[in-house]
Amino acid sequence: MEITAIYYLIPSLIMFCCGVYGFITRKNMIAMLISLELMLNAVDVNFVVFNRFLFPGQMEGMFFTLFAIAIAAAETALAIAIIINIFRSTKNVDVSGLNEMKF
């Protein structure tokens, strides 16, 4: 039995859809950040799968995914710092409470 790309793309699609659903339905900024990271990981899986099946001898998809993971880690650290500052000023991390911070 040969493993084709669809065996990797279906779980990636499910991960991406769960991330979109979580991002749209949650009001907590940390839950939204986790959903965004889930979507980014699904995209990384797609990069690796398409590289593996379209260009089997090359590693561009793998290297691009490593850079994407590094950028996602930096983005997460920055987002957590912003969320901590928002929590310090409003004592809440819900998105609905952010209107209070406008000047």
Protein backbone atom coordinates (compact mmCIF):
# COMPACT_ATOMS: atom_id res chain seq x y z
CA MET A 1 0.00 0.00 0.00
CA GLU A 2 1.45 3.31 -1.08
CA ILE A 3 1.04 6.34 1.15
CA THR A 4 -0.09 9.27 -0.96
CA ALA A 5 -0.27 12.98 -0.16
CA ILE A 6 -3.94 12.79 0.77
CA TYR A 7 -3.05 10.91 3.97
CA TYR A 8 -1.12 13.98 5.10
CA LEU A 9 -3.35 16.68 3.64
CA ILE A 10 -6.59 15.54 5.31
CA PRO A 11 -5.20 15.83 8.89
CA SER A 12 -3.62 19.14 7.91
CA LEU A 13 -6.98 20.37 6.63
CA ILE A 14 -8.66 19.26 9.86
CA MET A 15 -6.00 21.09 11.90
CA PHE A 16 -6.44 24.24 9.85
CA CYS A 17 -10.25 24.15 10.12
CA CYS A 18 -10.05 23.62 13.89
CA GLY A 19 -7.73 26.61 14.11
CA VAL A 20 -10.07 28.82 12.08
CA TYR A 21 -13.04 27.73 14.16
CA GLY A 22 -11.17 28.39 17.40
CA PHE A 23 -9.97 31.80 16.22
CA ILE A 24 -13.44 32.91 15.18
CA THR A 25 -15.38 31.60 18.17
CA ARG A 26 -13.07 32.45 21.09
CA LYS A 27 -12.89 35.79 22.86
CA ASN A 28 -9.88 34.93 25.01
CA MET A 29 -6.68 36.22 23.42
CA ILE A 30 -4.61 33.24 24.55
CA ALA A 31 -7.09 30.79 23.01
CA MET A 32 -7.00 32.86 19.82
CA LEU A 33 -3.19 32.71 19.83
CA ILE A 34 -3.28 28.92 20.24
CA SER A 35 -5.73 28.67 17.33
CA LEU A 36 -3.46 30.83 15.19
CA GLU A 37 -0.50 28.59 16.01
CA LEU A 38 -2.58 25.55 15.04
CA MET A 39 -3.27 27.12 11.66
CA LEU A 40 0.43 27.92 11.17
CA ASN A 41 1.38 24.33 12.00
CA ALA A 42 -1.12 23.04 9.44
CA VAL A 43 0.47 25.27 6.82
CA ASP A 44 3.91 23.96 7.79
CA VAL A 45 2.73 20.39 7.31
CA ASN A 46 1.49 21.36 3.85
CA PHE A 47 4.88 22.86 2.96
CA VAL A 48 6.64 19.63 3.88
CA VAL A 49 4.10 17.39 2.12
CA PHE A 50 4.13 19.35 -1.13
CA ASN A 51 7.92 19.48 -1.10
CA ARG A 52 8.13 15.73 -0.47
CA PHE A 53 5.73 14.75 -3.24
CA LEU A 54 6.48 17.41 -5.88
CA PHE A 55 10.26 17.65 -5.49
CA PRO A 56 11.40 14.45 -3.72
CA GLY A 57 15.14 15.08 -3.83
CA GLN A 58 15.10 18.71 -2.70
CA MET A 59 14.80 20.20 0.76
CA GLU A 60 13.35 23.69 0.16
CA GLY A 61 10.03 22.88 1.84
CA MET A 62 11.79 21.56 4.92
CA PHE A 63 14.00 24.64 5.24
CA PHE A 64 11.07 26.99 4.67
CA THR A 65 9.16 25.16 7.39
CA LEU A 66 12.07 25.52 9.82
CA PHE A 67 12.16 29.26 9.15
CA ALA A 68 8.37 29.45 9.56
CA ILE A 69 8.61 27.66 12.91
CA ALA A 70 11.32 30.08 14.07
CA ILE A 71 9.24 33.08 13.02
CA ALA A 72 6.16 31.60 14.70
CA ALA A 73 8.12 31.20 17.94
CA ALA A 74 9.20 34.85 17.82
CA GLU A 75 5.64 35.91 16.99
CA THR A 76 4.30 33.90 19.92
CA ALA A 77 6.77 35.48 22.32
CA LEU A 78 5.79 38.94 21.13
CA ALA A 79 2.07 38.15 21.32
CA ILE A 80 2.41 36.78 24.86
CA ALA A 81 4.25 39.97 25.89
CA ILE A 82 1.44 42.09 24.45
CA ILE A 83 -1.21 39.95 26.16
CA ILE A 84 0.62 40.28 29.50
CA ASN A 85 0.72 44.09 29.14
CA ILE A 86 -2.98 44.16 28.27
CA PHE A 87 -3.74 41.99 31.29
CA ARG A 88 -1.76 44.29 33.56
CA SER A 89 -3.76 47.31 32.47
CA THR A 90 -7.26 45.82 32.16
CA LYS A 91 -7.09 42.70 34.40
CA ASN A 92 -8.80 40.82 31.57
CA VAL A 93 -7.64 39.05 28.40
CA ASP A 94 -10.95 39.02 26.55
CA VAL A 95 -11.07 40.77 23.21
CA SER A 96 -14.35 42.47 24.10
CA GLY A 97 -12.58 44.48 26.83
CA LEU A 98 -10.07 46.05 24.47
CA ASN A 99 -12.33 48.99 23.61
CA GLU A 100 -11.48 50.42 27.04
CA MET A 101 -7.85 50.93 25.99
CA LYS A 102 -8.65 53.33 23.14
CA PHE A 103 -7.77 56.96 23.68
